[in-house]
Amino acid sequence: MIRLDGHQRIEGALRGGVIALGNFDGFHAGHQAVVGRAVHHAKDEGLPAIVATFDPHPVRFFKPDVPPFRLTTLDQRQEQFAAAGADAMLVLPFDAALAGTTAEDFITGLLLDRYGAAGVVTGADFVFGKGRGGNVVTLADHARRLGFFTEMVAPVDDAVEVISSSRIREALQGGDCETATRLLTRPFTVRGTVQHGDKNGRLLGFPTANIEMGQYLRPRYGIYAVTGRLADGRMLKGAANLGIRPSFDPPKELLEPHFFDFAEDLYGQEIDVAFHAFIRPEAKFDSMDALMAQIAADCDAAKARLEDV
């Protein structure tokens, strides 16, 4: 899939496309509905389907000190958009220039002139432009006057309430992997490069692949049943500690998956770790023997939770 820079004019075969416009962090079921409609329109009209996403997230621009909250990286979103049938991902860098762009200039100067949009599809709650001055009504009004089409996709609910990234974040922060998975339509997955650690897991007989969380949301600290996907496509089952490792000094936040029956060197490799189930909160143990016994029990619990995966 092609990745386009939002600072650049779209030319050639991708000009005149249908643009799905939103943040799309997490790319949950509601986001999938928006992109699905854009892809549908594009196929019907023989046009390219482009998914536009903001990076960094606008919240990060306006509130740079907020704790990490991302559910996906750009690379993960690009893969999800491609799987949904889009032809390109358009990355709009959210900087001071974009923050100061009025809603009208966003439509005429960016969507129409720079990107050549033939149509724009958004969610019902999408707002844009300086001071959040534009919404779906603004888009529809300009579409009628300027000759492009627009569609507003209604929110998707799950018989409880509307699916949203906020609900997914709240579920993960509460250790509710099952709800997060249902709303995302897949498990929350952290992608990172395996780094060298203190080798504590290896000394305990449970070697781990240590990964920093970066800008990802922090789910509830504790032990999880996880799966790992390697660069070569292999899938592994395991148990992971996410937290600050209170039994060791100094405290250091890491995601530390231990993969069952696996002894290969993963240092320097990029892997995906998917969160399937919360097992227990993080805890401090008085002895290494007690910790080893608990890790063994955690692995048994994780294996049971992953039987059907």
Protein backbone atom coordinates (compact mmCIF):
# COMPACT_ATOMS: atom_id res chain seq x y z
CA MET A 1 0.00 0.00 0.00
CA ILE A 2 1.20 3.51 -0.86
CA ARG A 3 1.79 6.01 1.95
CA LEU A 4 1.18 9.63 0.96
CA ASP A 5 2.52 12.72 2.71
CA GLY A 6 -0.25 15.20 3.52
CA HIS A 7 2.10 18.10 2.82
CA GLN A 8 2.36 17.04 -0.83
CA ARG A 9 -0.09 17.42 -3.71
CA ILE A 10 -1.62 14.16 -4.90
CA GLU A 11 -1.00 13.63 -8.59
CA GLY A 12 -1.32 10.80 -11.07
CA ALA A 13 -3.49 7.74 -10.64
CA LEU A 14 -4.37 8.47 -7.00
CA ARG A 15 -5.79 11.93 -7.71
CA GLY A 16 -9.58 12.18 -7.80
CA GLY A 17 -10.08 9.51 -5.17
CA VAL A 18 -12.59 8.87 -2.42
CA ILE A 19 -11.10 9.87 0.92
CA ALA A 20 -12.10 8.33 4.24
CA LEU A 21 -11.27 11.04 6.74
CA GLY A 22 -10.68 10.59 10.48
CA ASN A 23 -8.17 9.82 13.19
CA PHE A 24 -8.82 6.06 12.98
CA ASP A 25 -6.64 5.26 16.00
CA GLY A 26 -7.33 1.64 16.79
CA PHE A 27 -9.26 1.17 13.55
CA HIS A 28 -12.16 -0.33 15.51
CA ALA A 29 -15.48 -1.54 14.14
CA GLY A 30 -16.82 2.01 13.78
CA HIS A 31 -13.75 3.14 11.85
CA GLN A 32 -14.00 0.05 9.67
CA ALA A 33 -17.55 1.05 8.72
CA VAL A 34 -16.33 4.48 7.55
CA VAL A 35 -13.49 3.08 5.49
CA GLY A 36 -15.76 0.34 4.17
CA ARG A 37 -18.15 2.91 2.72
CA ALA A 38 -15.29 4.84 1.12
CA VAL A 39 -13.94 1.66 -0.47
CA HIS A 40 -17.45 0.76 -1.66
CA HIS A 41 -17.93 4.15 -3.33
CA ALA A 42 -14.47 4.01 -4.89
CA LYS A 43 -15.06 0.59 -6.40
CA ASP A 44 -18.47 1.60 -7.74
CA GLU A 45 -17.01 4.68 -9.42
CA GLY A 46 -13.69 3.14 -10.50
CA LEU A 47 -11.76 5.56 -8.27
CA PRO A 48 -8.89 5.08 -5.84
CA ALA A 49 -9.77 4.66 -2.16
CA ILE A 50 -7.60 6.69 0.21
CA VAL A 51 -7.68 6.65 4.00
CA ALA A 52 -6.53 9.90 5.62
CA THR A 53 -5.24 9.79 9.19
CA PHE A 54 -3.57 12.36 11.44
CA ASP A 55 -0.12 11.93 12.94
CA PRO A 56 0.57 12.97 15.58
CA HIS A 57 -2.91 12.74 16.99
CA PRO A 58 -4.41 16.24 17.44
CA VAL A 59 -4.62 15.67 21.20
CA ARG A 60 -0.85 15.18 21.29
CA PHE A 61 -0.36 18.50 19.50
CA PHE A 62 -2.62 20.51 21.78
CA LYS A 63 -1.73 18.64 25.00
CA PRO A 64 1.84 17.37 24.56
CA ASP A 65 2.12 16.24 28.19
CA VAL A 66 -0.82 13.83 28.23
CA PRO A 67 0.13 10.21 29.00
CA PRO A 68 0.56 7.87 26.01
CA PHE A 69 -2.79 6.80 24.58
CA ARG A 70 -2.22 5.42 21.07
CA LEU A 71 -3.86 2.09 20.16
CA THR A 72 -1.93 1.66 16.90
CA THR A 73 1.19 2.88 15.16
CA LEU A 74 1.13 4.30 11.65
CA ASP A 75 2.54 1.06 10.28
CA GLN A 76 -0.20 -0.95 11.96
CA ARG A 77 -2.88 1.39 10.63
CA GLN A 78 -1.44 1.13 7.14
CA GLU A 79 -1.71 -2.66 7.28
CA GLN A 80 -5.28 -2.47 8.55
CA PHE A 81 -6.30 0.03 5.86
CA ALA A 82 -4.77 -2.18 3.16
CA ALA A 83 -6.63 -5.21 4.48
CA ALA A 84 -9.86 -3.16 4.32
CA GLY A 85 -9.31 -2.60 0.59
CA ALA A 86 -7.85 0.91 0.49
CA ASP A 87 -5.29 1.84 -2.14
CA ALA A 88 -3.31 4.41 -0.13
CA MET A 89 -2.90 5.93 3.31
CA LEU A 90 -2.69 9.72 3.43
CA VAL A 91 -0.84 10.94 6.53
CA LEU A 92 -1.78 14.49 7.55
CA PRO A 93 0.97 15.79 9.87
CA PHE A 94 -0.88 17.62 12.61
CA ASP A 95 1.29 20.71 13.06
CA ALA A 96 0.74 24.40 13.75
CA ALA A 97 -0.15 25.06 10.12
CA LEU A 98 -2.86 22.42 10.07
CA ALA A 99 -4.15 23.46 13.50
CA GLY A 100 -4.56 27.01 12.18
CA THR A 101 -6.32 26.02 8.95
CA THR A 102 -9.98 27.07 8.86
CA ALA A 103 -12.64 24.53 8.03
CA GLU A 104 -13.28 26.18 4.65
CA ASP A 105 -9.59 26.22 3.75
CA PHE A 106 -9.29 22.61 4.84
CA ILE A 107 -12.00 21.67 2.36
CA THR A 108 -11.03 23.88 -0.56
CA GLY A 109 -7.28 24.13 -0.12
CA LEU A 110 -6.48 20.62 1.09
CA LEU A 111 -9.24 18.14 0.25
CA LEU A 112 -10.09 19.59 -3.16
CA ASP A 113 -7.00 21.43 -4.44
CA ARG A 114 -4.11 19.52 -2.86
CA TYR A 115 -5.65 16.05 -2.74
CA GLY A 116 -8.18 16.26 -5.58
CA ALA A 117 -10.92 14.48 -3.63
CA ALA A 118 -13.94 13.36 -5.62
CA GLY A 119 -15.70 12.32 -2.43
CA VAL A 120 -15.20 12.37 1.33
CA VAL A 121 -16.56 9.87 3.86
CA THR A 122 -16.46 10.55 7.60
CA GLY A 123 -18.01 9.42 10.84
CA ALA A 124 -20.96 11.36 12.21
CA ASP A 125 -18.92 13.00 14.97
CA PHE A 126 -15.97 14.11 12.82
CA VAL A 127 -14.91 17.74 13.35
CA PHE A 128 -12.10 19.63 11.67
CA GLY A 129 -10.57 23.03 11.07
CA LYS A 130 -9.35 25.76 13.39
CA GLY A 131 -11.28 25.75 16.65
CA ARG A 132 -13.13 22.59 15.51
CA GLY A 133 -15.11 24.90 13.25
CA GLY A 134 -16.16 22.29 10.68
CA ASN A 135 -18.33 19.19 10.91
CA VAL A 136 -20.34 16.88 8.65
CA VAL A 137 -22.88 19.64 7.98
CA THR A 138 -20.07 21.93 6.82
CA LEU A 139 -18.79 19.20 4.51
CA ALA A 140 -22.23 18.53 3.07
CA ASP A 141 -22.85 22.22 2.42
CA HIS A 142 -19.55 22.62 0.56
CA ALA A 143 -20.16 19.39 -1.35
CA ARG A 144 -23.42 20.71 -2.76
CA ARG A 145 -21.81 23.98 -3.82
CA LEU A 146 -18.46 22.67 -5.08
CA GLY A 147 -19.42 19.46 -6.81
CA PHE A 148 -17.92 16.65 -4.74
CA PHE A 149 -19.89 14.07 -2.78
CA THR A 150 -19.79 13.33 0.92
CA GLU A 151 -21.25 10.68 3.16
CA MET A 152 -21.65 10.63 6.92
CA VAL A 153 -21.52 7.12 8.41
CA ALA A 154 -23.66 6.62 11.50
CA PRO A 155 -22.01 5.41 14.70
CA VAL A 156 -21.71 1.67 15.18
CA ASP A 157 -22.91 0.26 18.50
CA ASP A 158 -22.57 -3.14 20.12
CA ALA A 159 -25.98 -3.29 21.83
CA VAL A 160 -24.43 -1.51 24.83
CA GLU A 161 -23.35 1.86 23.49
CA VAL A 162 -21.48 3.43 20.59
CA ILE A 163 -18.12 1.86 19.80
CA SER A 164 -15.31 4.35 20.37
CA SER A 165 -11.58 4.51 20.98
CA SER A 166 -12.35 5.91 24.44
CA ARG A 167 -14.32 2.78 25.37
CA ILE A 168 -11.47 0.60 24.15
CA ARG A 169 -8.92 2.55 26.17
CA GLU A 170 -11.09 2.32 29.29
CA ALA A 171 -11.46 -1.42 28.81
CA LEU A 172 -7.72 -1.95 28.46
CA GLN A 173 -6.96 0.26 31.45
CA GLY A 174 -9.32 -1.96 33.43
CA GLY A 175 -7.70 -5.16 32.18
CA ASP A 176 -10.78 -6.08 30.14
CA CYS A 177 -9.11 -7.56 27.07
CA GLU A 178 -12.26 -9.33 25.94
CA THR A 179 -14.24 -6.09 25.52
CA ALA A 180 -11.31 -4.38 23.81
CA THR A 181 -10.95 -7.30 21.40
CA ARG A 182 -14.66 -7.28 20.57
CA LEU A 183 -14.72 -3.55 19.85
CA LEU A 184 -11.46 -3.59 17.89
CA THR A 185 -12.44 -6.85 16.12
CA ARG A 186 -8.96 -8.13 17.04
CA PRO A 187 -6.76 -8.11 20.16
CA PHE A 188 -4.94 -4.93 21.16
CA THR A 189 -1.43 -5.45 19.79
CA VAL A 190 1.86 -3.81 20.67
CA ARG A 191 4.58 -3.79 18.02
CA GLY A 192 8.13 -3.21 19.14
CA THR A 193 11.78 -4.18 18.80
CA VAL A 194 13.12 -6.76 21.25
CA GLN A 195 15.87 -5.27 23.37
CA HIS A 196 18.44 -6.59 25.79
CA GLY A 197 17.32 -6.52 29.40
CA ASP A 198 18.68 -7.54 32.77
CA LYS A 199 18.34 -11.26 31.96
CA ASN A 200 16.22 -11.77 35.11
CA GLY A 201 13.72 -13.92 33.25
CA ARG A 202 16.45 -16.15 31.87
CA LEU A 203 17.92 -16.62 35.35
CA LEU A 204 14.48 -17.61 36.61
CA GLY A 205 14.02 -20.11 33.79
CA PHE A 206 11.47 -17.99 31.92
CA PRO A 207 13.34 -15.92 29.30
CA THR A 208 11.46 -12.87 28.04
CA ALA A 209 11.48 -10.66 24.94
CA ASN A 210 11.68 -7.15 26.39
CA ILE A 211 9.79 -4.38 24.56
CA GLU A 212 9.31 -0.70 25.40
CA MET A 213 5.73 0.57 25.20
CA GLY A 214 6.57 3.89 23.51
CA GLN A 215 3.44 5.92 22.69
CA TYR A 216 1.03 3.02 23.18
CA LEU A 217 -1.71 3.24 25.77
CA ARG A 218 -0.74 1.41 28.96
CA PRO A 219 -3.22 -1.34 29.74
CA ARG A 220 -3.61 -2.26 33.40
CA TYR A 221 -0.29 -3.37 34.83
CA GLY A 222 -0.17 -7.10 35.38
CA ILE A 223 0.19 -10.52 33.81
CA TYR A 224 -1.50 -11.32 30.49
CA ALA A 225 -2.08 -14.27 28.21
CA VAL A 226 -0.56 -13.15 24.90
CA THR A 227 0.36 -14.28 21.46
CA GLY A 228 3.39 -13.12 19.56
CA ARG A 229 3.85 -12.83 15.82
CA LEU A 230 7.39 -12.91 14.48
CA ALA A 231 8.66 -11.16 11.36
CA ASP A 232 8.54 -14.47 9.48
CA GLY A 233 4.85 -14.89 10.32
CA ARG A 234 5.15 -17.53 13.01
CA MET A 235 2.69 -17.22 15.89
CA LEU A 236 3.74 -18.04 19.46
CA LYS A 237 1.73 -18.35 22.65
CA GLY A 238 2.94 -16.95 25.94
CA ALA A 239 2.47 -15.04 29.17
CA ALA A 240 3.62 -11.44 29.55
CA ASN A 241 4.29 -9.06 32.38
CA LEU A 242 3.44 -5.43 31.73
CA GLY A 243 4.62 -3.07 34.43
CA ILE A 244 7.57 -1.90 36.44
CA ARG A 245 8.78 -5.29 37.79
CA PRO A 246 8.35 -4.54 41.52
CA SER A 247 10.42 -7.56 42.56
CA PHE A 248 13.51 -6.05 40.94
CA ASP A 249 15.51 -2.84 41.38
CA PRO A 250 15.50 -0.35 39.85
CA PRO A 251 11.87 -0.23 38.66
CA LYS A 252 11.66 -0.10 34.87
CA GLU A 253 8.52 -0.19 32.75
CA LEU A 254 8.59 -2.95 30.15
CA LEU A 255 6.39 -5.38 28.30
CA GLU A 256 8.03 -8.77 28.90
CA PRO A 257 6.45 -11.68 27.04
CA HIS A 258 7.69 -15.21 27.73
CA PHE A 259 6.86 -17.52 24.83
CA PHE A 260 6.19 -21.15 25.60
CA ASP A 261 8.62 -23.78 24.29
CA PHE A 262 10.64 -21.18 22.41
CA ALA A 263 14.37 -20.56 22.79
CA GLU A 264 15.44 -18.60 19.70
CA ASP A 265 17.26 -15.26 19.81
CA LEU A 266 14.85 -12.40 19.13
CA TYR A 267 17.12 -9.46 19.98
CA GLY A 268 16.78 -6.63 17.49
CA GLN A 269 13.74 -8.17 15.82
CA GLU A 270 10.39 -6.40 15.54
CA ILE A 271 7.52 -8.50 16.87
CA ASP A 272 3.82 -8.09 17.60
CA VAL A 273 2.44 -8.95 21.03
CA ALA A 274 -1.35 -9.34 21.22
CA PHE A 275 -3.20 -9.08 24.56
CA HIS A 276 -5.81 -11.84 24.92
CA ALA A 277 -6.65 -12.03 28.63
CA PHE A 278 -5.72 -10.42 31.94
CA ILE A 279 -4.55 -12.97 34.50
CA ARG A 280 -3.60 -11.02 37.64
CA PRO A 281 -2.28 -7.64 38.81
CA GLU A 282 1.44 -7.04 39.10
CA ALA A 283 2.80 -7.94 42.55
CA LYS A 284 6.01 -7.96 44.57
CA PHE A 285 7.30 -11.25 45.96
CA ASP A 286 9.44 -11.82 49.04
CA SER A 287 11.67 -14.44 47.45
CA MET A 288 12.79 -15.64 44.06
CA ASP A 289 11.34 -19.08 44.81
CA ALA A 290 7.92 -17.56 45.40
CA LEU A 291 8.24 -15.52 42.20
CA MET A 292 9.26 -18.58 40.15
CA ALA A 293 6.32 -20.57 41.51
CA GLN A 294 3.93 -17.75 40.62
CA ILE A 295 5.38 -17.38 37.11
CA ALA A 296 4.86 -21.12 36.54
CA ALA A 297 1.24 -20.78 37.70
CA ASP A 298 0.79 -17.73 35.46
CA CYS A 299 2.05 -19.69 32.46
CA ASP A 300 -0.39 -22.50 33.18
CA ALA A 301 -3.22 -19.98 33.44
CA ALA A 302 -2.16 -18.32 30.16
CA LYS A 303 -2.03 -21.68 28.38
CA ALA A 304 -5.57 -22.41 29.52
CA ARG A 305 -6.82 -19.02 28.32
CA LEU A 306 -5.13 -19.51 24.93
CA GLU A 307 -6.39 -23.03 24.20
CA ASP A 308 -8.78 -21.83 21.50
CA VAL A 309 -6.42 -19.27 19.94
